[in-house]
Amino acid sequence: MRYKTHKKMNYAYLVTMVLLTISGFAQMPIFKRYYIADIPGLGWLAQFYTTHFLHYLGAVCILGLAGFFLADHIFSELKNKKISCSGMVRGFLLSAIIISGIFLVIRNSFFVPFAPSTVIFLSLSHLGAVVIFLFYSLYCNIFQKPWLIKK
């Protein structure tokens, strides 16, 4: 039963990361600018509020998944496995993405007056961490670097 749960959660993680990547890059007008949104069925990529809602929905999902995996590691797998070096790097990058994303949500939702330079820093750090995370995750997938290793 435990294996099936983890397999479903890994699939949910993959789907969530694809949703976050597509909706995140759609927040920038690149899909409209390069006529990708003109392809039949992809017009929603040019609708800001649709992609904004989907990005927030994906963010809620990734927070839930991160909490599940963290709690599962702490409570059940702590004795058998430890986080690998590549897992620590991905965990750090994912934490940077989540923290910068939370500050961007606060800025967007609660009308907290951030200085323009702070907003630029948050946006660029969020985007930079995402790009590094995606390329590093691709590297880890190609060379089969696991998140966890046996002690």
C-alpha atoms as a PDB file:
ATOM      1  CA  MET A   1       0.000   0.000   0.000  1.00  0.00           C
ATOM      2  CA  ARG A   2       2.800   2.387   0.885  1.00  0.00           C
ATOM      3  CA  TYR A   3       4.482   1.910  -2.499  1.00  0.00           C
ATOM      4  CA  LYS A   4       1.273   2.731  -4.378  1.00  0.00           C
ATOM      5  CA  THR A   5       0.794   5.887  -2.308  1.00  0.00           C
ATOM      6  CA  HIS A   6       4.308   7.071  -3.099  1.00  0.00           C
ATOM      7  CA  LYS A   7       3.878   6.259  -6.781  1.00  0.00           C
ATOM      8  CA  LYS A   8       0.666   8.334  -6.897  1.00  0.00           C
ATOM      9  CA  MET A   9       2.338  11.172  -5.009  1.00  0.00           C
ATOM     10  CA  ASN A  10       5.318  11.131  -7.377  1.00  0.00           C
ATOM     11  CA  TYR A  11       2.897  11.334 -10.299  1.00  0.00           C
ATOM     12  CA  ALA A  12       1.047  14.197  -8.594  1.00  0.00           C
ATOM     13  CA  TYR A  13       4.416  15.943  -8.057  1.00  0.00           C
ATOM     14  CA  LEU A  14       5.249  15.615 -11.757  1.00  0.00           C
ATOM     15  CA  VAL A  15       1.848  16.900 -12.885  1.00  0.00           C
ATOM     16  CA  THR A  16       2.030  19.779 -10.408  1.00  0.00           C
ATOM     17  CA  MET A  17       5.511  20.797 -11.557  1.00  0.00           C
ATOM     18  CA  VAL A  18       4.387  20.772 -15.206  1.00  0.00           C
ATOM     19  CA  LEU A  19       1.345  22.898 -14.284  1.00  0.00           C
ATOM     20  CA  LEU A  20       3.495  25.329 -12.302  1.00  0.00           C
ATOM     21  CA  THR A  21       6.062  25.603 -15.088  1.00  0.00           C
ATOM     22  CA  ILE A  22       3.520  26.240 -17.834  1.00  0.00           C
ATOM     23  CA  SER A  23       1.375  28.626 -15.797  1.00  0.00           C
ATOM     24  CA  GLY A  24       4.435  30.405 -14.401  1.00  0.00           C
ATOM     25  CA  PHE A  25       5.940  31.077 -17.788  1.00  0.00           C
ATOM     26  CA  ALA A  26       2.469  32.062 -19.034  1.00  0.00           C
ATOM     27  CA  GLN A  27       2.505  34.861 -16.443  1.00  0.00           C
ATOM     28  CA  MET A  28       5.045  36.451 -18.722  1.00  0.00           C
ATOM     29  CA  PRO A  29       3.446  37.202 -22.081  1.00  0.00           C
ATOM     30  CA  ILE A  30       5.750  34.849 -23.991  1.00  0.00           C
ATOM     31  CA  PHE A  31       3.003  32.510 -25.211  1.00  0.00           C
ATOM     32  CA  LYS A  32       1.095  35.388 -26.809  1.00  0.00           C
ATOM     33  CA  ARG A  33       4.239  37.121 -28.037  1.00  0.00           C
ATOM     34  CA  TYR A  34       5.501  34.044 -29.868  1.00  0.00           C
ATOM     35  CA  TYR A  35       2.026  33.032 -31.155  1.00  0.00           C
ATOM     36  CA  ILE A  36       1.894  29.801 -29.151  1.00  0.00           C
ATOM     37  CA  ALA A  37      -1.462  30.915 -27.731  1.00  0.00           C
ATOM     38  CA  ASP A  38      -2.798  31.136 -31.290  1.00  0.00           C
ATOM     39  CA  ILE A  39      -2.576  27.359 -31.662  1.00  0.00           C
ATOM     40  CA  PRO A  40      -6.094  25.922 -31.289  1.00  0.00           C
ATOM     41  CA  GLY A  41      -6.690  24.811 -27.712  1.00  0.00           C
ATOM     42  CA  LEU A  42      -3.863  26.883 -26.233  1.00  0.00           C
ATOM     43  CA  GLY A  43      -5.610  30.261 -26.148  1.00  0.00           C
ATOM     44  CA  TRP A  44      -5.935  30.032 -22.356  1.00  0.00           C
ATOM     45  CA  LEU A  45      -2.147  30.507 -22.116  1.00  0.00           C
ATOM     46  CA  ALA A  46      -2.606  34.160 -23.069  1.00  0.00           C
ATOM     47  CA  GLN A  47      -5.308  34.812 -20.449  1.00  0.00           C
ATOM     48  CA  PHE A  48      -3.518  36.270 -17.440  1.00  0.00           C
ATOM     49  CA  TYR A  49      -6.162  35.597 -14.787  1.00  0.00           C
ATOM     50  CA  THR A  50      -6.612  31.984 -15.886  1.00  0.00           C
ATOM     51  CA  THR A  51      -2.890  31.247 -15.699  1.00  0.00           C
ATOM     52  CA  HIS A  52      -2.611  33.248 -12.475  1.00  0.00           C
ATOM     53  CA  PHE A  53      -5.334  31.123 -10.841  1.00  0.00           C
ATOM     54  CA  LEU A  54      -3.747  27.901 -12.136  1.00  0.00           C
ATOM     55  CA  HIS A  55      -0.353  28.986 -10.815  1.00  0.00           C
ATOM     56  CA  TYR A  56      -1.796  29.639  -7.351  1.00  0.00           C
ATOM     57  CA  LEU A  57      -3.621  26.300  -7.487  1.00  0.00           C
ATOM     58  CA  GLY A  58      -0.354  24.569  -8.395  1.00  0.00           C
ATOM     59  CA  ALA A  59       1.410  26.415  -5.577  1.00  0.00           C
ATOM     60  CA  VAL A  60      -1.127  25.083  -3.075  1.00  0.00           C
ATOM     61  CA  CYS A  61      -0.598  21.569  -4.456  1.00  0.00           C
ATOM     62  CA  ILE A  62       3.207  21.792  -4.253  1.00  0.00           C
ATOM     63  CA  LEU A  63       2.987  23.065  -0.662  1.00  0.00           C
ATOM     64  CA  GLY A  64       0.790  20.094   0.218  1.00  0.00           C
ATOM     65  CA  LEU A  65       3.084  17.633  -1.550  1.00  0.00           C
ATOM     66  CA  ALA A  66       6.186  19.117   0.045  1.00  0.00           C
ATOM     67  CA  GLY A  67       4.548  18.859   3.445  1.00  0.00           C
ATOM     68  CA  PHE A  68       3.550  15.239   2.787  1.00  0.00           C
ATOM     69  CA  PHE A  69       7.019  14.176   1.662  1.00  0.00           C
ATOM     70  CA  LEU A  70       8.719  16.060   4.494  1.00  0.00           C
ATOM     71  CA  ALA A  71       6.423  14.556   7.130  1.00  0.00           C
ATOM     72  CA  ASP A  72       6.791  11.100   5.594  1.00  0.00           C
ATOM     73  CA  HIS A  73      10.554  11.407   5.652  1.00  0.00           C
ATOM     74  CA  ILE A  74      10.661  12.655   9.219  1.00  0.00           C
ATOM     75  CA  PHE A  75       8.199  10.177  10.695  1.00  0.00           C
ATOM     76  CA  SER A  76       8.756   6.970   8.776  1.00  0.00           C
ATOM     77  CA  GLU A  77      11.855   6.953   6.608  1.00  0.00           C
ATOM     78  CA  LEU A  78      14.263   8.776   8.883  1.00  0.00           C
ATOM     79  CA  LYS A  79      15.680   5.502  10.170  1.00  0.00           C
ATOM     80  CA  ASN A  80      16.215   3.899   6.767  1.00  0.00           C
ATOM     81  CA  LYS A  81      17.107   6.702   4.386  1.00  0.00           C
ATOM     82  CA  LYS A  82      18.837  10.048   4.326  1.00  0.00           C
ATOM     83  CA  ILE A  83      18.641  12.915   1.898  1.00  0.00           C
ATOM     84  CA  SER A  84      21.262  12.678  -0.833  1.00  0.00           C
ATOM     85  CA  CYS A  85      23.483  15.556  -1.882  1.00  0.00           C
ATOM     86  CA  SER A  86      21.403  16.090  -5.021  1.00  0.00           C
ATOM     87  CA  GLY A  87      18.268  15.923  -2.860  1.00  0.00           C
ATOM     88  CA  MET A  88      19.621  18.661  -0.607  1.00  0.00           C
ATOM     89  CA  VAL A  89      20.360  20.888  -3.595  1.00  0.00           C
ATOM     90  CA  ARG A  90      16.876  20.322  -5.018  1.00  0.00           C
ATOM     91  CA  GLY A  91      15.353  20.854  -1.565  1.00  0.00           C
ATOM     92  CA  PHE A  92      17.237  24.132  -1.168  1.00  0.00           C
ATOM     93  CA  LEU A  93      16.160  25.330  -4.621  1.00  0.00           C
ATOM     94  CA  LEU A  94      12.558  24.295  -4.005  1.00  0.00           C
ATOM     95  CA  SER A  95      12.645  26.118  -0.648  1.00  0.00           C
ATOM     96  CA  ALA A  96      13.963  29.246  -2.371  1.00  0.00           C
ATOM     97  CA  ILE A  97      11.158  29.009  -4.935  1.00  0.00           C
ATOM     98  CA  ILE A  98       8.511  28.540  -2.243  1.00  0.00           C
ATOM     99  CA  ILE A  99       9.815  31.355  -0.019  1.00  0.00           C
ATOM    100  CA  SER A 100      10.151  33.857  -2.860  1.00  0.00           C
ATOM    101  CA  GLY A 101       6.723  32.773  -4.130  1.00  0.00           C
ATOM    102  CA  ILE A 102       5.162  33.356  -0.710  1.00  0.00           C
ATOM    103  CA  PHE A 103       6.587  36.879  -0.634  1.00  0.00           C
ATOM    104  CA  LEU A 104       5.234  37.516  -4.136  1.00  0.00           C
ATOM    105  CA  VAL A 105       1.787  36.290  -3.046  1.00  0.00           C
ATOM    106  CA  ILE A 106       1.919  38.603  -0.026  1.00  0.00           C
ATOM    107  CA  ARG A 107       2.840  41.467  -2.294  1.00  0.00           C
ATOM    108  CA  ASN A 108      -0.018  40.632  -4.688  1.00  0.00           C
ATOM    109  CA  SER A 109      -2.696  39.821  -2.112  1.00  0.00           C
ATOM    110  CA  PHE A 110      -2.308  41.983   0.933  1.00  0.00           C
ATOM    111  CA  PHE A 111      -1.294  45.219  -0.757  1.00  0.00           C
ATOM    112  CA  VAL A 112       1.916  45.382   1.200  1.00  0.00           C
ATOM    113  CA  PRO A 113       3.908  48.261  -0.240  1.00  0.00           C
ATOM    114  CA  PHE A 114       7.200  46.664  -1.276  1.00  0.00           C
ATOM    115  CA  ALA A 115       9.825  48.890  -2.805  1.00  0.00           C
ATOM    116  CA  PRO A 116      10.171  48.457  -6.569  1.00  0.00           C
ATOM    117  CA  SER A 117      13.704  47.121  -6.159  1.00  0.00           C
ATOM    118  CA  THR A 118      12.419  44.496  -3.711  1.00  0.00           C
ATOM    119  CA  VAL A 119       9.748  43.385  -6.181  1.00  0.00           C
ATOM    120  CA  ILE A 120      12.338  43.097  -8.942  1.00  0.00           C
ATOM    121  CA  PHE A 121      14.649  41.133  -6.644  1.00  0.00           C
ATOM    122  CA  LEU A 122      11.832  38.771  -5.620  1.00  0.00           C
ATOM    123  CA  SER A 123      10.689  38.235  -9.197  1.00  0.00           C
ATOM    124  CA  LEU A 124      14.174  37.588 -10.526  1.00  0.00           C
ATOM    125  CA  SER A 125      15.130  35.333  -7.622  1.00  0.00           C
ATOM    126  CA  HIS A 126      11.909  33.335  -8.073  1.00  0.00           C
ATOM    127  CA  LEU A 127      12.463  32.989 -11.817  1.00  0.00           C
ATOM    128  CA  GLY A 128      16.171  32.255 -11.411  1.00  0.00           C
ATOM    129  CA  ALA A 129      15.569  29.581  -8.793  1.00  0.00           C
ATOM    130  CA  VAL A 130      12.905  28.005 -11.028  1.00  0.00           C
ATOM    131  CA  VAL A 131      15.194  27.849 -14.047  1.00  0.00           C
ATOM    132  CA  ILE A 132      18.088  26.421 -12.010  1.00  0.00           C
ATOM    133  CA  PHE A 133      15.719  23.920 -10.349  1.00  0.00           C
ATOM    134  CA  LEU A 134      14.313  22.769 -13.696  1.00  0.00           C
ATOM    135  CA  PHE A 135      17.738  22.266 -15.268  1.00  0.00           C
ATOM    136  CA  TYR A 136      19.144  20.589 -12.170  1.00  0.00           C
ATOM    137  CA  SER A 137      16.105  18.299 -11.924  1.00  0.00           C
ATOM    138  CA  LEU A 138      16.563  17.388 -15.583  1.00  0.00           C
ATOM    139  CA  TYR A 139      20.226  16.600 -14.875  1.00  0.00           C
ATOM    140  CA  CYS A 140      19.238  14.460 -11.880  1.00  0.00           C
ATOM    141  CA  ASN A 141      16.618  12.632 -13.935  1.00  0.00           C
ATOM    142  CA  ILE A 142      19.037  11.898 -16.778  1.00  0.00           C
ATOM    143  CA  PHE A 143      21.799  10.658 -14.483  1.00  0.00           C
ATOM    144  CA  GLN A 144      19.362   8.989 -12.046  1.00  0.00           C
ATOM    145  CA  LYS A 145      20.311  10.991  -8.961  1.00  0.00           C
ATOM    146  CA  PRO A 146      17.756  10.143  -6.252  1.00  0.00           C
ATOM    147  CA  TRP A 147      16.332  12.450  -3.596  1.00  0.00           C
ATOM    148  CA  LEU A 148      16.955   9.848  -0.896  1.00  0.00           C
ATOM    149  CA  ILE A 149      19.639   7.212  -0.385  1.00  0.00           C
ATOM    150  CA  LYS A 150      19.894   4.321   2.046  1.00  0.00           C
ATOM    151  CA  LYS A 151      21.978   4.887   5.162  1.00  0.00           C
END
